[in-house]
N, C-alpha and C. Protein backbone atom coordinates (compact mmCIF):
# COMPACT_ATOMS: atom_id res chain seq x y z
N UNK A 1 186.81 237.42 0.17
CA UNK A 1 188.83 238.04 0.42
C UNK A 1 188.78 239.12 2.26
N UNK A 2 188.65 239.85 2.08
CA UNK A 2 188.66 240.35 2.76
C UNK A 2 188.73 240.46 4.36
N UNK A 3 187.45 239.78 4.15
CA UNK A 3 186.47 239.41 5.39
C UNK A 3 187.80 238.32 5.63
N UNK A 4 188.28 237.12 5.14
CA UNK A 4 189.10 236.22 5.65
C UNK A 4 190.69 236.74 6.07
N UNK A 5 191.13 238.27 5.49
CA UNK A 5 191.90 238.38 5.95
C UNK A 5 191.97 238.97 7.75
N UNK A 6 190.79 239.71 7.00
CA UNK A 6 190.53 240.73 8.69
C UNK A 6 190.47 239.27 9.96
N UNK A 7 189.76 238.37 9.63
CA UNK A 7 189.49 236.90 10.64
C UNK A 7 191.37 236.68 10.74
N UNK A 8 191.18 235.99 9.88
CA UNK A 8 193.36 235.67 9.85
C UNK A 8 194.59 236.47 11.11
N UNK A 9 194.28 238.34 10.26
CA UNK A 9 194.96 238.87 11.26
C UNK A 9 194.56 238.24 13.08
N UNK A 10 193.01 238.91 13.15
CA UNK A 10 192.30 239.19 14.06
C UNK A 10 193.44 237.74 15.63
N UNK A 11 192.99 236.39 15.13
CA UNK A 11 193.45 235.39 15.45
C UNK A 11 194.88 235.45 16.13
N UNK A 12 196.32 236.15 14.63
CA UNK A 12 197.23 236.30 14.67
C UNK A 12 196.91 237.51 15.40
N UNK A 13 196.88 238.04 16.69
CA UNK A 13 196.52 239.53 16.97
C UNK A 13 196.21 239.02 18.83
N UNK A 14 195.46 238.14 18.73
CA UNK A 14 195.29 237.27 20.10
C UNK A 14 196.23 236.13 20.19
N UNK A 15 196.36 235.60 19.39
CA UNK A 15 198.29 235.26 19.57
C UNK A 15 199.10 235.23 19.75
N UNK A 16 199.21 236.48 19.38
CA UNK A 16 200.05 237.54 19.33
C UNK A 16 200.23 238.19 21.49
N UNK A 17 198.90 238.26 21.37
CA UNK A 17 198.85 239.54 22.96
C UNK A 17 199.19 238.26 23.96
N UNK A 18 198.47 237.10 23.68
CA UNK A 18 198.04 235.91 24.95
C UNK A 18 199.57 235.53 25.28
N UNK A 19 200.65 235.37 24.35
CA UNK A 19 201.82 235.16 24.50
C UNK A 19 202.99 235.94 24.84
N UNK A 20 202.36 237.33 24.80
CA UNK A 20 203.57 238.50 25.60
C UNK A 20 203.27 238.94 26.81
N UNK A 21 201.26 238.51 27.05
CA UNK A 21 201.13 239.03 28.38
C UNK A 21 201.84 237.35 29.08
N UNK A 22 202.21 236.43 28.79
CA UNK A 22 202.52 235.05 29.25
C UNK A 22 203.87 235.30 29.34
N UNK A 23 204.17 235.62 28.12
CA UNK A 23 205.81 236.30 28.72
C UNK A 23 206.24 236.79 29.62
N UNK A 24 205.26 238.43 30.00
CA UNK A 24 205.77 239.48 30.54
C UNK A 24 205.35 238.96 32.02
N UNK A 25 204.12 238.35 32.43
CA UNK A 25 204.10 237.48 33.11
C UNK A 25 205.15 236.46 34.44
N UNK A 26 205.31 236.08 33.37
CA UNK A 26 206.58 234.39 33.30
C UNK A 26 207.24 235.36 33.98
N UNK A 27 208.11 236.92 33.34
CA UNK A 27 209.39 237.17 33.98
C UNK A 27 209.73 237.89 35.18
N UNK A 28 208.06 238.73 35.03
CA UNK A 28 207.82 239.26 36.71
C UNK A 28 208.14 238.74 38.17
N UNK A 29 206.52 237.85 38.26
CA UNK A 29 207.16 236.32 38.38
C UNK A 29 208.66 235.58 38.69
N UNK A 30 209.34 235.70 38.02
CA UNK A 30 211.23 235.15 38.41
C UNK A 30 211.65 235.33 38.79
N UNK A 31 211.04 237.54 38.62
CA UNK A 31 212.38 237.77 39.14
C UNK A 31 211.81 238.58 40.65
N UNK A 32 210.96 238.34 40.54
CA UNK A 32 210.39 238.64 42.55
C UNK A 32 210.38 237.49 43.25
N UNK A 33 210.27 235.99 43.05
CA UNK A 33 210.34 235.04 43.67
C UNK A 33 212.26 235.44 43.71
N UNK A 34 212.75 235.18 43.34
CA UNK A 34 214.74 235.53 42.92
C UNK A 34 215.57 236.91 43.58
N UNK A 35 213.92 238.02 43.36
CA UNK A 35 214.75 238.98 44.95
C UNK A 35 213.58 238.99 46.57
N UNK A 36 213.03 237.40 46.62
CA UNK A 36 212.36 237.64 47.36
C UNK A 36 213.52 236.45 49.21
N UNK A 37 214.23 235.50 47.68
CA UNK A 37 215.12 234.71 47.32
C UNK A 37 213.74 233.57 48.58
N UNK A 38 213.39 233.19 48.14
CA UNK A 38 212.09 232.80 48.92
C UNK A 38 212.65 231.02 49.19
N UNK A 39 212.91 230.79 47.84
CA UNK A 39 213.65 229.21 48.17
C UNK A 39 214.25 228.18 47.10
N UNK A 40 215.16 227.92 47.95
CA UNK A 40 216.34 227.28 46.73
C UNK A 40 216.20 226.49 45.50
N UNK A 41 214.31 226.40 45.42
CA UNK A 41 214.25 225.11 44.59
C UNK A 41 213.10 226.03 43.00
N UNK A 42 214.16 225.77 41.86
CA UNK A 42 213.38 226.18 40.88
C UNK A 42 211.45 225.55 41.06
N UNK A 43 210.93 224.31 41.42
CA UNK A 43 209.78 224.13 41.26
C UNK A 43 208.76 224.88 42.43
N UNK A 44 209.62 225.91 43.06
CA UNK A 44 208.50 226.29 44.23
C UNK A 44 208.76 227.50 43.95
N UNK A 45 207.90 228.67 43.36
CA UNK A 45 207.93 230.02 43.25
C UNK A 45 206.37 230.28 43.54
N UNK A 46 206.22 231.78 43.82
CA UNK A 46 205.74 232.71 43.53
C UNK A 46 203.45 232.80 42.49
N UNK A 47 204.72 232.41 41.63
CA UNK A 47 203.16 231.61 40.43
C UNK A 47 203.05 230.72 41.42
N UNK A 48 203.70 229.61 41.59
CA UNK A 48 202.36 228.66 42.46
C UNK A 48 202.02 228.48 42.92
N UNK A 49 202.13 229.60 43.79
CA UNK A 49 201.23 229.75 45.39
C UNK A 49 201.89 228.25 45.74
N UNK A 50 203.16 227.84 45.96
CA UNK A 50 204.14 227.10 46.58
C UNK A 50 204.62 227.54 47.79
N UNK A 51 204.87 228.52 47.81
CA UNK A 51 205.68 229.59 48.59
C UNK A 51 205.65 229.38 50.07
N UNK A 52 205.84 229.27 51.28
CA UNK A 52 206.19 229.51 52.71
C UNK A 52 205.60 230.66 52.75
N UNK A 53 206.50 231.89 52.45
CA UNK A 53 206.58 232.84 52.69
C UNK A 53 204.97 233.48 51.88
N UNK A 54 205.04 233.15 50.82
CA UNK A 54 203.44 233.52 50.64
C UNK A 54 202.00 233.39 51.27
N UNK A 55 202.56 232.36 50.76
CA UNK A 55 200.99 231.77 51.89
C UNK A 55 200.62 232.09 53.30
N UNK A 56 201.60 232.41 54.03
CA UNK A 56 202.20 233.52 55.03
C UNK A 56 201.45 234.59 54.80
N UNK A 57 202.01 235.31 54.25
CA UNK A 57 202.11 237.01 53.63
C UNK A 57 200.28 236.91 53.46
N UNK A 58 200.17 236.20 52.45
CA UNK A 58 198.49 236.25 52.05
C UNK A 58 197.68 235.62 53.10
N UNK A 59 198.20 235.30 54.07
CA UNK A 59 197.24 234.42 55.46
C UNK A 59 196.81 235.66 56.12
N UNK A 60 198.26 236.68 56.09
CA UNK A 60 198.16 237.46 57.31
C UNK A 60 197.09 238.31 56.55
N UNK A 61 197.35 238.40 55.41
CA UNK A 61 196.47 240.50 54.63
C UNK A 61 194.86 239.75 54.61
N UNK A 62 194.54 238.18 54.89
CA UNK A 62 192.41 237.87 54.85
C UNK A 62 192.37 238.02 56.32
N UNK A 63 193.67 238.00 56.69
CA UNK A 63 193.84 238.21 58.15
C UNK A 63 192.82 239.46 58.84
N UNK A 64 194.04 240.62 58.71
CA UNK A 64 193.33 242.16 58.43
C UNK A 64 192.03 242.39 57.82
N UNK A 65 191.81 241.89 57.15
CA UNK A 65 191.19 242.25 56.35
C UNK A 65 189.10 241.77 57.06
N UNK A 66 189.04 240.41 58.36
CA UNK A 66 188.47 239.81 58.41
C UNK A 66 187.48 241.26 58.46
N UNK A 67 187.36 242.38 59.20
CA UNK A 67 186.40 243.48 60.15
C UNK A 67 185.79 243.83 58.51
N UNK A 68 186.41 243.50 57.60
CA UNK A 68 186.25 244.80 56.43
C UNK A 68 184.91 244.12 55.96
N UNK A 69 185.46 242.32 55.91
CA UNK A 69 184.53 241.67 55.45
C UNK A 69 184.65 241.64 53.39
N UNK A 70 186.29 241.41 53.44
CA UNK A 70 186.45 241.95 52.03
C UNK A 70 188.62 241.44 51.66
N UNK A 71 188.82 240.98 51.08
CA UNK A 71 190.72 240.85 50.81
C UNK A 71 191.26 242.03 49.82
N UNK A 72 192.44 242.63 50.29
CA UNK A 72 193.06 243.06 50.36
C UNK A 72 193.92 242.47 48.84
N UNK A 73 194.67 243.44 47.79
CA UNK A 73 195.56 242.84 47.21
C UNK A 73 196.45 242.44 47.65
N UNK A 74 197.80 241.17 48.00
CA UNK A 74 198.22 241.36 48.18
C UNK A 74 200.10 241.75 47.74
N UNK A 75 200.78 242.87 47.55
CA UNK A 75 201.81 243.54 48.01
C UNK A 75 203.30 243.50 48.22
N UNK A 76 204.05 243.75 47.48
CA UNK A 76 205.48 243.39 47.63
C UNK A 76 205.64 243.28 49.11
N UNK A 77 205.65 244.87 49.22
CA UNK A 77 205.07 245.32 50.87
C UNK A 77 205.14 243.85 51.91
N UNK A 78 203.88 243.07 51.95
CA UNK A 78 203.10 242.10 52.58
C UNK A 78 204.49 241.22 52.58
N UNK A 79 204.54 240.43 51.14
CA UNK A 79 205.08 239.77 50.93
C UNK A 79 206.83 239.71 51.87
N UNK A 80 207.39 240.99 51.67
CA UNK A 80 208.59 240.90 52.36
C UNK A 80 207.91 241.10 54.60
N UNK A 81 206.46 241.86 54.67
CA UNK A 81 207.34 241.14 55.90
C UNK A 81 206.54 240.16 56.19
N UNK A 82 206.46 238.66 55.20
CA UNK A 82 206.34 237.43 55.84
C UNK A 82 207.33 236.80 55.73
N UNK A 83 207.92 237.69 55.07
CA UNK A 83 209.48 236.30 54.73
C UNK A 83 209.96 237.36 56.27
N UNK A 84 210.46 238.20 57.07
CA UNK A 84 211.27 238.79 58.15
C UNK A 84 210.42 238.07 58.68
N UNK A 85 209.10 237.51 59.45
CA UNK A 85 208.05 236.83 59.97
C UNK A 85 208.75 235.70 59.97
N UNK A 86 208.23 234.64 59.42
CA UNK A 86 208.78 233.48 59.27
C UNK A 86 210.56 233.12 59.38
N UNK A 87 211.35 234.14 58.91
CA UNK A 87 212.74 234.00 59.16
C UNK A 87 212.79 234.40 60.52
N UNK A 88 212.37 234.93 61.41
CA UNK A 88 212.62 235.14 62.69
C UNK A 88 212.33 233.96 63.22
N UNK A 89 213.88 234.35 64.62
CA UNK A 89 213.80 233.18 65.46
C UNK A 89 212.97 233.37 66.84
N UNK A 90 212.16 234.43 66.46
CA UNK A 90 211.24 234.97 67.51
C UNK A 90 209.84 234.43 67.13
N UNK A 91 209.47 233.58 66.16
CA UNK A 91 208.07 234.23 65.87
C UNK A 91 206.61 232.67 67.29
N UNK A 92 207.84 232.97 67.59
CA UNK A 92 206.43 232.07 68.37
C UNK A 92 206.63 232.48 69.36
N UNK A 93 207.71 233.62 69.97
CA UNK A 93 207.09 234.25 71.63
C UNK A 93 206.74 235.55 71.83
N UNK A 94 206.34 235.61 73.03
CA UNK A 94 205.63 237.29 72.93
C UNK A 94 206.99 237.59 74.41
N UNK A 95 207.50 239.28 73.95
CA UNK A 95 208.18 239.63 74.51
C UNK A 95 207.56 241.13 75.07
N UNK A 96 207.87 241.11 76.76
CA UNK A 96 207.54 242.17 76.82
C UNK A 96 208.73 243.37 76.96
N UNK A 97 208.35 244.60 76.00
CA UNK A 97 210.62 245.44 76.32
C UNK A 97 210.34 246.20 77.35
N UNK A 98 210.93 246.75 79.09
CA UNK A 98 211.09 247.54 79.89
C UNK A 98 211.61 248.75 79.14
N UNK A 99 210.61 249.35 80.20
CA UNK A 99 211.76 250.96 80.35
C UNK A 99 212.91 251.33 81.07
N UNK A 100 213.42 251.92 80.33
CA UNK A 100 214.26 252.15 81.84
C UNK A 100 214.50 252.68 83.39
N UNK A 101 213.39 253.27 83.26
CA UNK A 101 212.73 253.18 84.75
C UNK A 101 212.16 252.79 85.27
N UNK A 102 211.79 251.24 84.28
CA UNK A 102 210.32 250.64 85.32
C UNK A 102 211.69 249.22 86.15
N UNK A 103 212.98 250.03 85.21
CA UNK A 103 213.22 248.75 86.32
C UNK A 103 214.06 248.85 87.18
N UNK A 104 214.63 247.71 88.69
CA UNK A 104 215.13 248.82 89.03
C UNK A 104 216.58 247.55 89.78
N UNK A 105 217.35 248.88 88.98
CA UNK A 105 218.65 248.16 88.86
C UNK A 105 219.25 248.35 90.17
N UNK A 106 218.79 249.13 90.88
CA UNK A 106 219.28 249.05 92.45
C UNK A 106 219.28 248.47 93.10
N UNK A 107 217.89 247.64 92.85
CA UNK A 107 217.72 246.16 93.46
C UNK A 107 218.37 245.00 93.65
N UNK A 108 219.18 245.14 91.88
CA UNK A 108 220.06 243.65 91.86
C UNK A 108 221.30 244.00 91.96
N UNK A 109 221.70 244.90 92.15
CA UNK A 109 223.10 245.15 92.29
C UNK A 109 223.02 245.10 94.22
N UNK A 110 221.80 245.46 95.09
CA UNK A 110 221.89 244.95 96.43
C UNK A 110 221.73 244.04 96.89
N UNK A 111 221.96 242.42 95.98
CA UNK A 111 221.22 241.30 96.07
C UNK A 111 222.40 241.06 94.83
N UNK A 112 223.39 241.28 94.37
CA UNK A 112 223.98 240.70 93.69
C UNK A 112 224.52 239.90 94.60
N UNK A 113 224.73 239.75 95.23
CA UNK A 113 225.80 239.41 96.45
C UNK A 113 225.59 237.81 96.67
N UNK A 114 223.65 237.81 96.20
CA UNK A 114 223.67 236.49 96.28
C UNK A 114 223.44 235.22 95.32
N UNK A 115 223.97 235.68 94.36
CA UNK A 115 224.85 235.25 92.93
C UNK A 115 226.18 234.89 93.06
N UNK A 116 227.25 235.23 94.32
CA UNK A 116 228.20 234.94 93.88
C UNK A 116 228.73 233.55 95.42
N UNK A 117 229.85 232.60 94.26
CA UNK A 117 229.91 231.40 94.64
C UNK A 117 230.11 231.30 96.11
N UNK A 118 231.10 232.22 97.25
CA UNK A 118 231.18 232.22 98.81
C UNK A 118 229.68 232.67 99.58
N UNK A 119 228.60 232.95 99.00
CA UNK A 119 227.38 232.94 99.43
C UNK A 119 226.87 231.49 99.57
N UNK A 120 225.98 231.31 100.89
CA UNK A 120 225.66 230.58 100.75
C UNK A 120 224.30 230.78 102.41
N UNK A 121 223.15 229.96 101.97
CA UNK A 121 222.30 230.05 102.77
C UNK A 121 221.65 228.62 103.85
N UNK A 122 223.03 229.11 104.90
CA UNK A 122 223.27 228.56 106.48
C UNK A 122 223.44 229.36 107.52
N UNK A 123 223.07 228.25 109.00
CA UNK A 123 223.08 229.04 109.62
C UNK A 123 224.39 229.18 110.17
N UNK A 124 224.27 229.88 111.19
CA UNK A 124 225.71 230.33 111.79
C UNK A 124 226.58 228.70 111.98
N UNK A 125 225.77 227.31 112.91
CA UNK A 125 226.82 226.41 113.20
C UNK A 125 227.47 225.05 111.79
N UNK A 126 226.12 225.77 110.68
CA UNK A 126 226.66 225.22 109.44
C UNK A 126 227.40 226.06 109.16
N UNK A 127 227.76 227.65 108.77
CA UNK A 127 228.71 228.11 108.10
C UNK A 127 230.00 227.80 108.94
N UNK A 128 230.21 227.85 110.15
CA UNK A 128 231.29 226.80 111.26
C UNK A 128 232.36 225.86 110.41
N UNK A 129 230.82 224.60 110.77
CA UNK A 129 231.41 224.25 109.82
C UNK A 129 231.78 223.37 108.57
N UNK A 130 231.44 224.59 107.45
CA UNK A 130 231.99 224.79 105.91
C UNK A 130 232.97 225.28 105.94
N UNK A 131 233.82 226.17 107.78
CA UNK A 131 234.68 226.40 107.32
C UNK A 131 235.84 226.26 108.20
N UNK A 132 235.72 225.08 108.74
CA UNK A 132 236.49 224.74 109.84
C UNK A 132 237.82 223.68 108.91
N UNK A 133 239.31 224.60 109.52
CA UNK A 133 240.58 224.01 109.06
C UNK A 133 240.70 224.21 107.71
N UNK A 134 240.47 225.43 106.96
CA UNK A 134 240.26 226.19 106.36
C UNK A 134 241.86 226.94 106.72
N UNK A 135 241.79 227.85 105.34
CA UNK A 135 242.81 228.44 105.35
C UNK A 135 242.95 229.84 106.25
N UNK A 136 243.00 230.58 106.82
CA UNK A 136 243.42 231.84 107.75
C UNK A 136 243.07 233.04 107.03
N UNK A 137 241.60 233.24 106.92
CA UNK A 137 240.82 234.64 106.22
C UNK A 137 239.78 233.51 105.64
N UNK A 138 239.57 232.63 105.62
CA UNK A 138 238.54 231.88 104.73
C UNK A 138 236.73 232.65 104.84
N UNK A 139 236.41 232.38 104.11
CA UNK A 139 234.92 233.41 105.01
C UNK A 139 234.32 233.12 103.76
N UNK A 140 232.62 232.91 104.37
CA UNK A 140 231.40 233.10 103.17
C UNK A 140 230.82 234.14 103.74
N UNK A 141 229.72 234.89 102.83
CA UNK A 141 228.14 235.37 103.08
C UNK A 141 227.08 234.36 103.57
N UNK A 142 226.47 234.99 104.09
CA UNK A 142 225.13 234.50 104.51
C UNK A 142 223.96 235.47 105.50
N UNK A 143 223.24 235.08 105.08
CA UNK A 143 221.81 235.81 105.60
C UNK A 143 221.82 236.53 107.47
N UNK A 144 220.90 236.76 107.57
CA UNK A 144 220.32 237.59 108.61
C UNK A 144 219.67 237.00 108.30
N UNK A 145 219.29 236.09 109.63
CA UNK A 145 217.19 236.06 109.45
C UNK A 145 216.27 236.33 110.03
N UNK A 146 217.25 237.21 111.62
CA UNK A 146 216.30 238.50 111.98
C UNK A 146 215.58 239.01 111.37
N UNK A 147 214.82 239.98 111.68
CA UNK A 147 213.67 240.84 111.30
C UNK A 147 214.44 242.38 112.07
N UNK A 148 215.29 242.54 110.69
CA UNK A 148 216.28 243.90 111.44
C UNK A 148 216.06 244.42 109.54
N UNK A 149 215.77 245.83 110.08
CA UNK A 149 216.37 246.60 108.94
C UNK A 149 216.91 247.16 108.14
N UNK A 150 218.37 247.54 108.96
CA UNK A 150 219.87 247.69 108.47
C UNK A 150 219.98 246.32 108.37
N UNK A 151 220.45 245.29 109.27
CA UNK A 151 221.61 244.41 109.36
C UNK A 151 221.09 243.20 107.93
N UNK A 152 221.56 242.85 106.57
CA UNK A 152 221.25 242.62 105.77
C UNK A 152 221.85 240.34 105.84
N UNK A 153 222.96 240.61 105.83
CA UNK A 153 223.84 239.34 105.34
C UNK A 153 225.34 239.60 107.09
N UNK A 154 225.25 238.05 106.84
CA UNK A 154 226.74 237.95 107.60
C UNK A 154 227.79 237.13 107.58
N UNK A 155 228.75 238.19 107.63
CA UNK A 155 230.12 237.40 106.90
C UNK A 155 231.38 237.07 108.19
N UNK A 156 231.22 235.41 107.79
CA UNK A 156 231.72 234.16 109.13
C UNK A 156 233.48 234.48 107.60
N UNK A 157 234.14 234.69 109.17
CA UNK A 157 235.70 234.34 108.82
C UNK A 157 235.99 233.44 110.39
N UNK A 158 237.24 232.21 109.28
CA UNK A 158 237.93 231.71 109.68
C UNK A 158 239.55 232.31 109.80
N UNK A 159 240.05 231.84 111.45
CA UNK A 159 240.95 232.52 111.07
C UNK A 159 241.93 232.15 112.47
N UNK A 160 242.54 231.18 112.65
CA UNK A 160 243.54 230.82 113.92
C UNK A 160 242.57 230.18 115.08
N UNK A 161 241.95 229.38 114.32
CA UNK A 161 241.38 228.46 114.90
C UNK A 161 239.97 229.09 115.83
N UNK A 162 239.69 229.89 115.37
CA UNK A 162 238.85 230.79 116.11
C UNK A 162 237.33 231.42 114.66
N UNK A 163 236.70 232.20 114.85
CA UNK A 163 235.55 233.28 113.94
C UNK A 163 235.24 233.77 114.76
N UNK A 164 235.02 234.46 113.07
CA UNK A 164 233.91 236.31 113.64
C UNK A 164 233.20 235.82 112.40
N UNK A 165 231.87 236.51 112.87
CA UNK A 165 230.81 237.14 112.57
C UNK A 165 230.10 238.47 112.37
N UNK A 166 231.03 238.59 111.47
CA UNK A 166 230.11 240.02 111.25
C UNK A 166 229.86 240.48 110.34
N UNK A 167 228.37 241.40 111.10
CA UNK A 167 227.55 242.39 110.05
C UNK A 167 227.75 242.87 108.88
N UNK A 168 227.37 242.85 107.76
CA UNK A 168 226.60 244.11 107.33
C UNK A 168 225.69 244.93 107.14
N UNK A 169 225.60 246.15 107.12
CA UNK A 169 224.37 246.50 107.76
C UNK A 169 224.73 248.19 106.32
N UNK A 170 223.32 247.92 106.01
CA UNK A 170 222.94 249.12 105.59
C UNK A 170 222.88 250.27 105.75
N UNK A 171 223.10 251.30 105.92
CA UNK A 171 222.49 253.15 106.49
C UNK A 171 221.77 253.22 105.67
N UNK A 172 221.00 253.32 106.64
CA UNK A 172 219.52 254.57 106.26
C UNK A 172 218.59 253.65 105.56
N UNK A 173 218.53 252.88 105.15
CA UNK A 173 217.98 252.07 103.99
C UNK A 173 218.20 252.54 102.28
N UNK A 174 219.65 253.79 102.45
CA UNK A 174 219.94 253.71 101.18
C UNK A 174 221.13 252.46 100.69
N UNK A 175 221.47 253.08 99.66
CA UNK A 175 222.25 252.23 98.79
C UNK A 175 223.55 252.46 99.35
N UNK A 176 224.22 252.04 100.79
CA UNK A 176 225.21 252.28 101.54
C UNK A 176 225.44 250.82 102.62
N UNK A 177 226.17 250.77 102.68
CA UNK A 177 226.65 249.23 103.20
C UNK A 177 227.85 249.56 104.29
N UNK A 178 227.76 248.44 105.68
CA UNK A 178 229.26 249.17 105.80
C UNK A 178 229.09 247.60 106.87
N UNK A 179 230.39 247.29 107.13
CA UNK A 179 230.76 245.48 107.97
C UNK A 179 230.76 246.13 109.19
N UNK A 180 231.15 245.30 110.47
CA UNK A 180 231.34 245.65 111.22
C UNK A 180 230.06 245.66 112.40
N UNK A 181 230.30 246.26 113.28
CA UNK A 181 229.73 247.44 114.77
C UNK A 181 229.84 248.50 113.89
N UNK A 182 229.35 249.86 114.13
CA UNK A 182 228.87 251.00 113.91
C UNK A 182 230.18 251.53 114.60
N UNK A 183 230.83 252.47 113.61
CA UNK A 183 231.95 253.23 114.44
C UNK A 183 232.53 254.10 113.37
N UNK A 184 233.29 254.66 114.02
CA UNK A 184 233.71 256.20 113.40
C UNK A 184 234.31 256.61 112.11
N UNK A 185 234.05 257.26 111.11
CA UNK A 185 234.97 257.55 110.29
C UNK A 185 235.15 255.54 109.42
N UNK A 186 233.47 254.98 109.48
CA UNK A 186 234.15 253.71 109.16
C UNK A 186 233.65 254.01 107.48
N UNK A 187 234.72 252.69 107.23
CA UNK A 187 234.54 252.87 105.48
C UNK A 187 232.85 253.07 104.69
N UNK A 188 232.40 253.02 104.16
CA UNK A 188 231.00 253.13 103.12
C UNK A 188 231.70 252.36 101.33
N UNK A 189 230.26 251.35 101.64
CA UNK A 189 230.37 250.64 100.23
C UNK A 189 229.35 251.13 99.25
N UNK A 190 228.72 250.86 97.63
CA UNK A 190 227.38 250.93 97.12
C UNK A 190 226.75 250.01 97.65
N UNK A 191 227.29 248.38 97.53
CA UNK A 191 226.88 246.95 97.96
C UNK A 191 227.90 246.58 98.33
N UNK A 192 226.67 244.75 98.87
CA UNK A 192 227.49 244.48 99.73
C UNK A 192 228.60 243.02 99.05
N UNK A 193 229.22 243.87 97.85
CA UNK A 193 229.57 242.79 97.11
C UNK A 193 231.25 243.47 97.28
N UNK A 194 230.95 244.87 97.15
CA UNK A 194 231.81 245.86 97.25
C UNK A 194 232.63 245.77 97.97
N UNK A 195 232.20 245.21 99.20
CA UNK A 195 233.24 245.21 100.26
C UNK A 195 233.61 243.88 100.79
N UNK A 196 233.15 242.79 100.09
CA UNK A 196 234.39 241.29 100.06
C UNK A 196 235.06 241.10 99.12
N UNK A 197 235.28 242.57 98.35
CA UNK A 197 235.94 242.83 97.32
C UNK A 197 236.76 243.38 97.29
N UNK A 198 236.56 244.40 98.08
CA UNK A 198 237.68 245.50 98.10
C UNK A 198 238.55 244.42 99.90
N UNK A 199 237.63 243.38 100.93
CA UNK A 199 238.33 243.38 101.87
C UNK A 199 239.03 242.03 100.93
N UNK A 200 239.13 241.84 100.81
CA UNK A 200 239.69 239.99 99.75
C UNK A 200 241.61 240.65 99.05
N UNK A 201 241.22 242.19 98.97
CA UNK A 201 242.98 243.08 98.83
C UNK A 201 242.99 244.29 99.72
N UNK A 202 242.73 244.50 100.95
CA UNK A 202 242.74 245.05 102.09
C UNK A 202 242.20 244.85 103.51
N UNK A 203 243.18 244.75 104.35
CA UNK A 203 243.24 243.51 105.40
C UNK A 203 241.75 244.53 106.45
N UNK A 204 241.49 243.46 107.15
CA UNK A 204 240.08 243.66 107.78
C UNK A 204 241.05 243.50 108.99
N UNK A 205 240.03 244.27 110.62
CA UNK A 205 240.08 243.62 111.76
C UNK A 205 238.65 243.28 112.11
N UNK A 206 238.73 241.86 112.64
CA UNK A 206 238.05 240.74 112.89
C UNK A 206 238.37 240.61 114.94
N UNK A 207 237.15 241.00 115.63
CA UNK A 207 237.06 240.56 116.97
C UNK A 207 235.84 239.69 117.44
N UNK A 208 236.60 238.96 118.06
CA UNK A 208 235.83 238.34 118.78
C UNK A 208 235.91 238.33 120.37
N UNK A 209 235.57 237.11 120.74
CA UNK A 209 235.29 236.92 122.28
C UNK A 209 236.91 237.15 123.00
N UNK A 210 237.63 236.41 122.16
CA UNK A 210 239.17 236.31 122.30
C UNK A 210 240.09 236.70 122.43
N UNK A 211 239.59 237.17 120.44
CA UNK A 211 241.21 237.93 119.71
C UNK A 211 240.90 239.10 119.05
N UNK A 212 241.68 238.94 118.89
CA UNK A 212 241.60 240.22 117.71
C UNK A 212 242.67 240.21 116.74
N UNK A 213 242.21 240.44 115.21
CA UNK A 213 242.87 240.10 114.00
C UNK A 213 243.07 240.56 112.19
N UNK A 214 243.72 240.93 112.03
CA UNK A 214 244.04 241.45 110.94
C UNK A 214 243.99 240.94 110.21
N UNK A 215 243.36 240.67 108.79
CA UNK A 215 243.24 239.84 107.64
C UNK A 215 242.61 239.76 106.26
N UNK A 216 243.09 239.28 105.37
CA UNK A 216 242.32 239.55 104.61
C UNK A 216 241.37 238.47 103.72
N UNK A 217 240.52 238.78 103.85
CA UNK A 217 239.20 237.66 103.58
C UNK A 217 239.93 237.20 101.41
N UNK A 218 239.82 235.75 102.38
CA UNK A 218 239.35 234.89 100.96
C UNK A 218 238.13 234.10 101.17
N UNK A 219 236.66 234.64 100.27
CA UNK A 219 235.74 233.97 100.13
C UNK A 219 236.20 232.56 99.48
N UNK A 220 234.91 231.49 99.98
CA UNK A 220 235.34 229.94 99.75
C UNK A 220 234.68 229.94 98.27
N UNK A 221 235.04 228.84 97.74
CA UNK A 221 234.86 228.78 96.23
C UNK A 221 233.87 227.17 95.86
N UNK A 222 234.76 226.15 97.60
CA UNK A 222 233.64 225.16 97.59
C UNK A 222 232.89 225.04 98.12
């Protein structure tokens, strides 16, 4: 009789233990999936191994241990890291962070004028043709094609049926620029674009072989 009771008790104990263990695992895994918000469907969860984040992080965990020849236990931190990678818009691209000291901001500022709407890759004749019959003060900026360390660009201006071609000079290869021929007490600018901006609001004296006029620059748009 005692032997039968012992067997009966052992069977009940084992069944109860299995039930409690299975129930605890189910609650833990469901809670983990809910916390990670890995999917919106109840059929895709951590315990069944169908979750994309779970597969991704498990694959990464295996890769990190290839050199050791063994596989480590997948942790919550691994899963969260995999979730971040899987949802990142940059997961398929490589980016290089450049230190501020490596970025040549001065060169960018110097050449900013080449992105302006009034900058044209044309020669003298083409520049005059573009500006012909426009309003007085119409102007564009074009590159200076001769090899010169100081002259970088030329401002071509149209006024009173005349054309004026003014140099933009760089002083001593520094970040200082002037317009026109060298003269005493000339105004100095930090960039070529600053010259155009300033004389779009202030009068500029323009001289050619025929006349001298003072006018406000009106950079062309089209």
